[in-house]
C-alpha atoms as a PDB file:
ATOM      1  CA  UNK A   1     123.750   4.538 -44.548  1.00  0.00           C
ATOM      2  CA  UNK A   2     120.228   5.996 -44.712  1.00  0.00           C
ATOM      3  CA  UNK A   3     119.323   9.668 -44.829  1.00  0.00           C
ATOM      4  CA  UNK A   4     117.816   9.448 -41.324  1.00  0.00           C
ATOM      5  CA  UNK A   5     121.097   8.150 -39.901  1.00  0.00           C
ATOM      6  CA  UNK A   6     123.067  10.919 -41.634  1.00  0.00           C
ATOM      7  CA  UNK A   7     120.670  13.591 -40.385  1.00  0.00           C
ATOM      8  CA  UNK A   8     120.852  12.341 -36.786  1.00  0.00           C
ATOM      9  CA  UNK A   9     124.654  12.215 -36.978  1.00  0.00           C
ATOM     10  CA  UNK A  10     124.801  15.779 -38.319  1.00  0.00           C
ATOM     11  CA  UNK A  11     122.576  17.004 -35.482  1.00  0.00           C
ATOM     12  CA  UNK A  12     124.694  14.984 -33.040  1.00  0.00           C
ATOM     13  CA  UNK A  13     127.924  16.564 -34.301  1.00  0.00           C
ATOM     14  CA  UNK A  14     126.458  20.080 -33.992  1.00  0.00           C
ATOM     15  CA  UNK A  15     125.206  19.407 -30.461  1.00  0.00           C
ATOM     16  CA  UNK A  16     128.529  17.805 -29.530  1.00  0.00           C
ATOM     17  CA  UNK A  17     130.423  20.805 -30.916  1.00  0.00           C
ATOM     18  CA  UNK A  18     128.280  23.091 -28.770  1.00  0.00           C
ATOM     19  CA  UNK A  19     128.861  20.844 -25.763  1.00  0.00           C
ATOM     20  CA  UNK A  20     132.655  20.874 -26.270  1.00  0.00           C
ATOM     21  CA  UNK A  21     132.660  24.675 -26.638  1.00  0.00           C
ATOM     22  CA  UNK A  22     130.637  24.937 -23.429  1.00  0.00           C
ATOM     23  CA  UNK A  23     132.934  22.593 -21.505  1.00  0.00           C
ATOM     24  CA  UNK A  24     135.984  24.562 -22.662  1.00  0.00           C
ATOM     25  CA  UNK A  25     134.411  27.891 -21.722  1.00  0.00           C
ATOM     26  CA  UNK A  26     132.527  27.119 -18.517  1.00  0.00           C
ATOM     27  CA  UNK A  27     133.809  24.001 -16.778  1.00  0.00           C
ATOM     28  CA  UNK A  28     136.507  25.804 -14.870  1.00  0.00           C
ATOM     29  CA  UNK A  29     136.597  27.677 -11.544  1.00  0.00           C
ATOM     30  CA  UNK A  30     134.350  30.712 -11.000  1.00  0.00           C
ATOM     31  CA  UNK A  31     132.189  30.115 -14.062  1.00  0.00           C
ATOM     32  CA  UNK A  32     128.378  30.486 -13.838  1.00  0.00           C
ATOM     33  CA  UNK A  33     126.334  27.384 -13.037  1.00  0.00           C
ATOM     34  CA  UNK A  34     123.739  28.718 -15.485  1.00  0.00           C
ATOM     35  CA  UNK A  35     126.082  28.280 -18.437  1.00  0.00           C
ATOM     36  CA  UNK A  36     127.238  24.883 -17.184  1.00  0.00           C
ATOM     37  CA  UNK A  37     123.640  23.646 -17.119  1.00  0.00           C
ATOM     38  CA  UNK A  38     123.075  24.857 -20.682  1.00  0.00           C
ATOM     39  CA  UNK A  39     126.237  22.995 -21.693  1.00  0.00           C
ATOM     40  CA  UNK A  40     125.003  19.766 -20.098  1.00  0.00           C
ATOM     41  CA  UNK A  41     121.715  20.209 -21.981  1.00  0.00           C
ATOM     42  CA  UNK A  42     123.669  20.129 -25.247  1.00  0.00           C
ATOM     43  CA  UNK A  43     125.452  16.995 -24.065  1.00  0.00           C
ATOM     44  CA  UNK A  44     122.070  15.349 -23.551  1.00  0.00           C
ATOM     45  CA  UNK A  45     121.003  16.422 -27.046  1.00  0.00           C
ATOM     46  CA  UNK A  46     124.152  14.910 -28.558  1.00  0.00           C
ATOM     47  CA  UNK A  47     123.634  11.652 -26.651  1.00  0.00           C
ATOM     48  CA  UNK A  48     120.045  11.391 -27.878  1.00  0.00           C
ATOM     49  CA  UNK A  49     121.027  11.847 -31.522  1.00  0.00           C
ATOM     50  CA  UNK A  50     123.860   9.355 -31.207  1.00  0.00           C
ATOM     51  CA  UNK A  51     121.426   6.808 -29.802  1.00  0.00           C
ATOM     52  CA  UNK A  52     118.984   7.438 -32.667  1.00  0.00           C
ATOM     53  CA  UNK A  53     121.688   6.910 -35.277  1.00  0.00           C
ATOM     54  CA  UNK A  54     123.017   3.776 -33.574  1.00  0.00           C
ATOM     55  CA  UNK A  55     119.625   2.137 -33.134  1.00  0.00           C
ATOM     56  CA  UNK A  56     118.684   2.798 -36.781  1.00  0.00           C
ATOM     57  CA  UNK A  57     121.932   1.212 -37.949  1.00  0.00           C
ATOM     58  CA  UNK A  58     121.384  -1.822 -35.705  1.00  0.00           C
ATOM     59  CA  UNK A  59     117.612  -2.317 -35.867  1.00  0.00           C
ATOM     60  CA  UNK A  60     116.489  -0.326 -38.908  1.00  0.00           C
ATOM     61  CA  UNK A  61     114.250   2.120 -37.056  1.00  0.00           C
ATOM     62  CA  UNK A  62     113.837   4.008 -33.798  1.00  0.00           C
ATOM     63  CA  UNK A  63     111.440   2.153 -31.449  1.00  0.00           C
ATOM     64  CA  UNK A  64     108.193   4.084 -31.028  1.00  0.00           C
ATOM     65  CA  UNK A  65     108.228   3.765 -27.261  1.00  0.00           C
ATOM     66  CA  UNK A  66     110.092   5.236 -24.304  1.00  0.00           C
ATOM     67  CA  UNK A  67     113.803   4.907 -25.058  1.00  0.00           C
ATOM     68  CA  UNK A  68     117.209   6.455 -24.424  1.00  0.00           C
ATOM     69  CA  UNK A  69     116.647   9.080 -27.123  1.00  0.00           C
ATOM     70  CA  UNK A  70     113.445  10.225 -25.424  1.00  0.00           C
ATOM     71  CA  UNK A  71     115.188  10.316 -22.042  1.00  0.00           C
ATOM     72  CA  UNK A  72     117.992  12.412 -23.548  1.00  0.00           C
ATOM     73  CA  UNK A  73     115.471  14.910 -24.942  1.00  0.00           C
ATOM     74  CA  UNK A  74     113.760  15.173 -21.556  1.00  0.00           C
ATOM     75  CA  UNK A  75     117.152  15.685 -19.898  1.00  0.00           C
ATOM     76  CA  UNK A  76     118.107  18.375 -22.401  1.00  0.00           C
ATOM     77  CA  UNK A  77     115.056  20.511 -21.739  1.00  0.00           C
ATOM     78  CA  UNK A  78     115.068  19.852 -18.008  1.00  0.00           C
ATOM     79  CA  UNK A  79     118.512  21.470 -17.919  1.00  0.00           C
ATOM     80  CA  UNK A  80     117.271  24.404 -20.029  1.00  0.00           C
ATOM     81  CA  UNK A  81     114.335  24.769 -17.636  1.00  0.00           C
ATOM     82  CA  UNK A  82     116.459  24.431 -14.484  1.00  0.00           C
ATOM     83  CA  UNK A  83     118.974  27.005 -15.707  1.00  0.00           C
ATOM     84  CA  UNK A  84     116.343  29.714 -16.173  1.00  0.00           C
ATOM     85  CA  UNK A  85     114.038  28.771 -13.303  1.00  0.00           C
ATOM     86  CA  UNK A  86     116.696  27.968 -10.733  1.00  0.00           C
ATOM     87  CA  UNK A  87     119.390  30.491 -11.630  1.00  0.00           C
ATOM     88  CA  UNK A  88     117.761  33.494 -13.304  1.00  0.00           C
ATOM     89  CA  UNK A  89     114.065  33.807 -12.559  1.00  0.00           C
ATOM     90  CA  UNK A  90     114.445  34.890  -8.948  1.00  0.00           C
ATOM     91  CA  UNK A  91     116.767  37.695 -10.100  1.00  0.00           C
ATOM     92  CA  UNK A  92     114.392  39.220 -12.623  1.00  0.00           C
ATOM     93  CA  UNK A  93     110.923  38.452 -11.255  1.00  0.00           C
ATOM     94  CA  UNK A  94     110.137  39.345  -7.669  1.00  0.00           C
ATOM     95  CA  UNK A  95     106.426  38.597  -8.199  1.00  0.00           C
ATOM     96  CA  UNK A  96     105.674  42.331  -8.435  1.00  0.00           C
ATOM     97  CA  UNK A  97     102.823  43.779 -10.493  1.00  0.00           C
ATOM     98  CA  UNK A  98     105.014  45.346 -13.188  1.00  0.00           C
ATOM     99  CA  UNK A  99     106.018  41.877 -14.390  1.00  0.00           C
ATOM    100  CA  UNK A 100     102.549  40.344 -14.307  1.00  0.00           C
ATOM    101  CA  UNK A 101     101.931  40.946 -18.010  1.00  0.00           C
ATOM    102  CA  UNK A 102     105.167  39.136 -18.908  1.00  0.00           C
ATOM    103  CA  UNK A 103     104.119  36.114 -16.858  1.00  0.00           C
ATOM    104  CA  UNK A 104     100.834  35.923 -18.747  1.00  0.00           C
ATOM    105  CA  UNK A 105     102.254  36.555 -22.211  1.00  0.00           C
ATOM    106  CA  UNK A 106     104.971  33.935 -21.622  1.00  0.00           C
ATOM    107  CA  UNK A 107     102.228  31.317 -21.362  1.00  0.00           C
ATOM    108  CA  UNK A 108     101.813  31.619 -25.141  1.00  0.00           C
ATOM    109  CA  UNK A 109     104.908  29.485 -25.725  1.00  0.00           C
ATOM    110  CA  UNK A 110     103.766  26.392 -23.784  1.00  0.00           C
ATOM    111  CA  UNK A 111     100.195  26.819 -25.051  1.00  0.00           C
ATOM    112  CA  UNK A 112     101.360  26.669 -28.673  1.00  0.00           C
ATOM    113  CA  UNK A 113     103.362  23.531 -27.897  1.00  0.00           C
ATOM    114  CA  UNK A 114     100.377  22.073 -26.063  1.00  0.00           C
ATOM    115  CA  UNK A 115      98.365  22.197 -29.286  1.00  0.00           C
ATOM    116  CA  UNK A 116     100.918  19.877 -30.890  1.00  0.00           C
ATOM    117  CA  UNK A 117     100.674  17.476 -27.946  1.00  0.00           C
ATOM    118  CA  UNK A 118      96.882  17.366 -28.228  1.00  0.00           C
ATOM    119  CA  UNK A 119      97.037  16.607 -31.969  1.00  0.00           C
ATOM    120  CA  UNK A 120      99.530  13.809 -31.327  1.00  0.00           C
ATOM    121  CA  UNK A 121      97.371  12.319 -28.566  1.00  0.00           C
ATOM    122  CA  UNK A 122      94.523  12.020 -31.082  1.00  0.00           C
ATOM    123  CA  UNK A 123      96.685  10.595 -33.879  1.00  0.00           C
ATOM    124  CA  UNK A 124      96.496   6.984 -35.060  1.00  0.00           C
ATOM    125  CA  UNK A 125      99.768   5.905 -33.438  1.00  0.00           C
ATOM    126  CA  UNK A 126     100.028   3.417 -30.575  1.00  0.00           C
ATOM    127  CA  UNK A 127      99.031   4.633 -27.117  1.00  0.00           C
ATOM    128  CA  UNK A 128     102.552   4.242 -25.687  1.00  0.00           C
ATOM    129  CA  UNK A 129     104.006   6.309 -28.540  1.00  0.00           C
ATOM    130  CA  UNK A 130     101.417   9.065 -28.163  1.00  0.00           C
ATOM    131  CA  UNK A 131     101.985   9.277 -24.415  1.00  0.00           C
ATOM    132  CA  UNK A 132     105.768   9.266 -24.886  1.00  0.00           C
ATOM    133  CA  UNK A 133     105.545  12.187 -27.341  1.00  0.00           C
ATOM    134  CA  UNK A 134     103.239  14.088 -24.993  1.00  0.00           C
ATOM    135  CA  UNK A 135     105.660  13.633 -22.080  1.00  0.00           C
ATOM    136  CA  UNK A 136     108.539  14.937 -24.205  1.00  0.00           C
ATOM    137  CA  UNK A 137     106.526  18.000 -25.190  1.00  0.00           C
ATOM    138  CA  UNK A 138     105.529  18.589 -21.558  1.00  0.00           C
ATOM    139  CA  UNK A 139     109.171  19.065 -20.559  1.00  0.00           C
ATOM    140  CA  UNK A 140     109.800  21.264 -23.595  1.00  0.00           C
ATOM    141  CA  UNK A 141     106.809  23.385 -22.553  1.00  0.00           C
ATOM    142  CA  UNK A 142     108.307  23.983 -19.108  1.00  0.00           C
ATOM    143  CA  UNK A 143     111.532  25.294 -20.623  1.00  0.00           C
ATOM    144  CA  UNK A 144     109.776  27.387 -23.278  1.00  0.00           C
ATOM    145  CA  UNK A 145     107.803  29.382 -20.689  1.00  0.00           C
ATOM    146  CA  UNK A 146     110.938  30.770 -19.032  1.00  0.00           C
ATOM    147  CA  UNK A 147     112.827  31.340 -22.270  1.00  0.00           C
ATOM    148  CA  UNK A 148     109.986  33.480 -23.613  1.00  0.00           C
ATOM    149  CA  UNK A 149     109.498  35.216 -20.271  1.00  0.00           C
ATOM    150  CA  UNK A 150     113.177  36.156 -19.994  1.00  0.00           C
ATOM    151  CA  UNK A 151     113.136  37.289 -23.600  1.00  0.00           C
ATOM    152  CA  UNK A 152     110.592  39.984 -22.692  1.00  0.00           C
ATOM    153  CA  UNK A 153     110.934  40.809 -19.003  1.00  0.00           C
ATOM    154  CA  UNK A 154     112.569  44.014 -17.734  1.00  0.00           C
ATOM    155  CA  UNK A 155     116.319  43.866 -17.350  1.00  0.00           C
ATOM    156  CA  UNK A 156     117.970  43.950 -13.931  1.00  0.00           C
ATOM    157  CA  UNK A 157     121.165  45.409 -12.509  1.00  0.00           C
ATOM    158  CA  UNK A 158     124.314  44.902 -14.588  1.00  0.00           C
ATOM    159  CA  UNK A 159     122.200  43.838 -17.588  1.00  0.00           C
ATOM    160  CA  UNK A 160     122.191  40.183 -16.533  1.00  0.00           C
ATOM    161  CA  UNK A 161     118.921  39.323 -18.277  1.00  0.00           C
ATOM    162  CA  UNK A 162     119.233  41.673 -21.250  1.00  0.00           C
ATOM    163  CA  UNK A 163     122.667  40.350 -22.155  1.00  0.00           C
ATOM    164  CA  UNK A 164     121.361  36.812 -22.765  1.00  0.00           C
ATOM    165  CA  UNK A 165     118.177  37.610 -24.676  1.00  0.00           C
ATOM    166  CA  UNK A 166     119.895  36.258 -27.793  1.00  0.00           C
ATOM    167  CA  UNK A 167     120.474  32.949 -26.030  1.00  0.00           C
ATOM    168  CA  UNK A 168     116.848  32.794 -24.868  1.00  0.00           C
ATOM    169  CA  UNK A 169     115.674  33.418 -28.434  1.00  0.00           C
ATOM    170  CA  UNK A 170     117.801  30.565 -29.810  1.00  0.00           C
ATOM    171  CA  UNK A 171     116.685  28.257 -26.981  1.00  0.00           C
ATOM    172  CA  UNK A 172     113.042  29.097 -27.706  1.00  0.00           C
ATOM    173  CA  UNK A 173     113.544  28.371 -31.412  1.00  0.00           C
ATOM    174  CA  UNK A 174     115.159  25.071 -30.463  1.00  0.00           C
ATOM    175  CA  UNK A 175     112.135  24.156 -28.347  1.00  0.00           C
ATOM    176  CA  UNK A 176     109.784  24.935 -31.226  1.00  0.00           C
ATOM    177  CA  UNK A 177     111.933  22.881 -33.608  1.00  0.00           C
ATOM    178  CA  UNK A 178     112.067  19.868 -31.289  1.00  0.00           C
ATOM    179  CA  UNK A 179     108.297  19.993 -30.894  1.00  0.00           C
ATOM    180  CA  UNK A 180     107.847  20.289 -34.660  1.00  0.00           C
ATOM    181  CA  UNK A 181     110.101  17.266 -35.134  1.00  0.00           C
ATOM    182  CA  UNK A 182     108.020  15.202 -32.706  1.00  0.00           C
ATOM    183  CA  UNK A 183     104.768  16.271 -34.361  1.00  0.00           C
ATOM    184  CA  UNK A 184     105.998  15.712 -37.924  1.00  0.00           C
ATOM    185  CA  UNK A 185     107.342  12.301 -36.952  1.00  0.00           C
ATOM    186  CA  UNK A 186     103.988  11.327 -35.449  1.00  0.00           C
ATOM    187  CA  UNK A 187     102.279  12.177 -38.743  1.00  0.00           C
ATOM    188  CA  UNK A 188     105.107  10.823 -40.956  1.00  0.00           C
ATOM    189  CA  UNK A 189     105.902  14.189 -42.570  1.00  0.00           C
ATOM    190  CA  UNK A 190     109.456  13.167 -43.428  1.00  0.00           C
ATOM    191  CA  UNK A 191     110.214  15.870 -46.017  1.00  0.00           C
ATOM    192  CA  UNK A 192     109.256  18.718 -43.704  1.00  0.00           C
ATOM    193  CA  UNK A 193     111.333  17.149 -40.933  1.00  0.00           C
ATOM    194  CA  UNK A 194     114.471  17.566 -43.036  1.00  0.00           C
ATOM    195  CA  UNK A 195     113.998  21.335 -43.000  1.00  0.00           C
ATOM    196  CA  UNK A 196     113.519  21.238 -39.240  1.00  0.00           C
ATOM    197  CA  UNK A 197     116.802  19.341 -38.830  1.00  0.00           C
ATOM    198  CA  UNK A 198     118.738  21.996 -40.756  1.00  0.00           C
ATOM    199  CA  UNK A 199     117.586  24.805 -38.455  1.00  0.00           C
ATOM    200  CA  UNK A 200     117.946  22.584 -35.386  1.00  0.00           C
ATOM    201  CA  UNK A 201     121.584  21.895 -36.244  1.00  0.00           C
ATOM    202  CA  UNK A 202     122.284  25.601 -36.691  1.00  0.00           C
ATOM    203  CA  UNK A 203     120.698  26.447 -33.316  1.00  0.00           C
ATOM    204  CA  UNK A 204     122.664  23.740 -31.506  1.00  0.00           C
ATOM    205  CA  UNK A 205     125.880  24.989 -33.076  1.00  0.00           C
ATOM    206  CA  UNK A 206     125.474  28.686 -32.284  1.00  0.00           C
ATOM    207  CA  UNK A 207     123.737  28.637 -28.905  1.00  0.00           C
ATOM    208  CA  UNK A 208     126.938  28.493 -26.804  1.00  0.00           C
ATOM    209  CA  UNK A 209     128.789  31.243 -28.755  1.00  0.00           C
ATOM    210  CA  UNK A 210     125.727  33.497 -28.371  1.00  0.00           C
ATOM    211  CA  UNK A 211     125.470  32.715 -24.651  1.00  0.00           C
ATOM    212  CA  UNK A 212     129.203  33.300 -24.244  1.00  0.00           C
ATOM    213  CA  UNK A 213     129.039  36.668 -25.983  1.00  0.00           C
ATOM    214  CA  UNK A 214     126.174  37.803 -23.753  1.00  0.00           C
ATOM    215  CA  UNK A 215     127.681  36.319 -20.605  1.00  0.00           C
ATOM    216  CA  UNK A 216     130.803  38.465 -20.959  1.00  0.00           C
ATOM    217  CA  UNK A 217     128.691  41.419 -19.812  1.00  0.00           C
ATOM    218  CA  UNK A 218     128.053  39.721 -16.455  1.00  0.00           C
ATOM    219  CA  UNK A 219     131.579  40.508 -15.326  1.00  0.00           C
ATOM    220  CA  UNK A 220     131.648  43.883 -13.674  1.00  0.00           C
END
């Protein structure tokens, strides 16, 4: 069993642990849809890592084209994005002037990730691989904007936004780590990727407990 397989299985186990914790905590009556969507995102992450490990065992390497692992990553960050955009943003941002600065500053997160996408597009990999990486990063960018925005924006009644700033910080770190993984893989920086995987595993493992601790304050 190669190091890459072991790493993907470790990340898979951490994501799966987070998913199981989320299902146990939130997939029951009268639980917030927000937390359920975050849980499903972790399920997507676990599925993607399981696919990566399986395809390496069977074929020796992950195909550098659009595949199930890529689709799982897109699904993961689409659920992160949908949770914040669909469930939280309308509560904390009424498009008033006092929040304008937060909207602008939050653009820093996707802009930083965009730099990685541009570098990958001009790398020496195949066109299909470069486009696939760019599409992955595009969906991560969408999620990162709202995580950074909700990390900074003014709190609302009952402390709904303030109570989950810890979650938004971990989610933002996860988005940066996923983007770093994609970029390092495109440039074959294998050693640095190992460090990324360690922090990624930690984030996947602790994100639900942190969300759960903050979410307790939603009950009035």
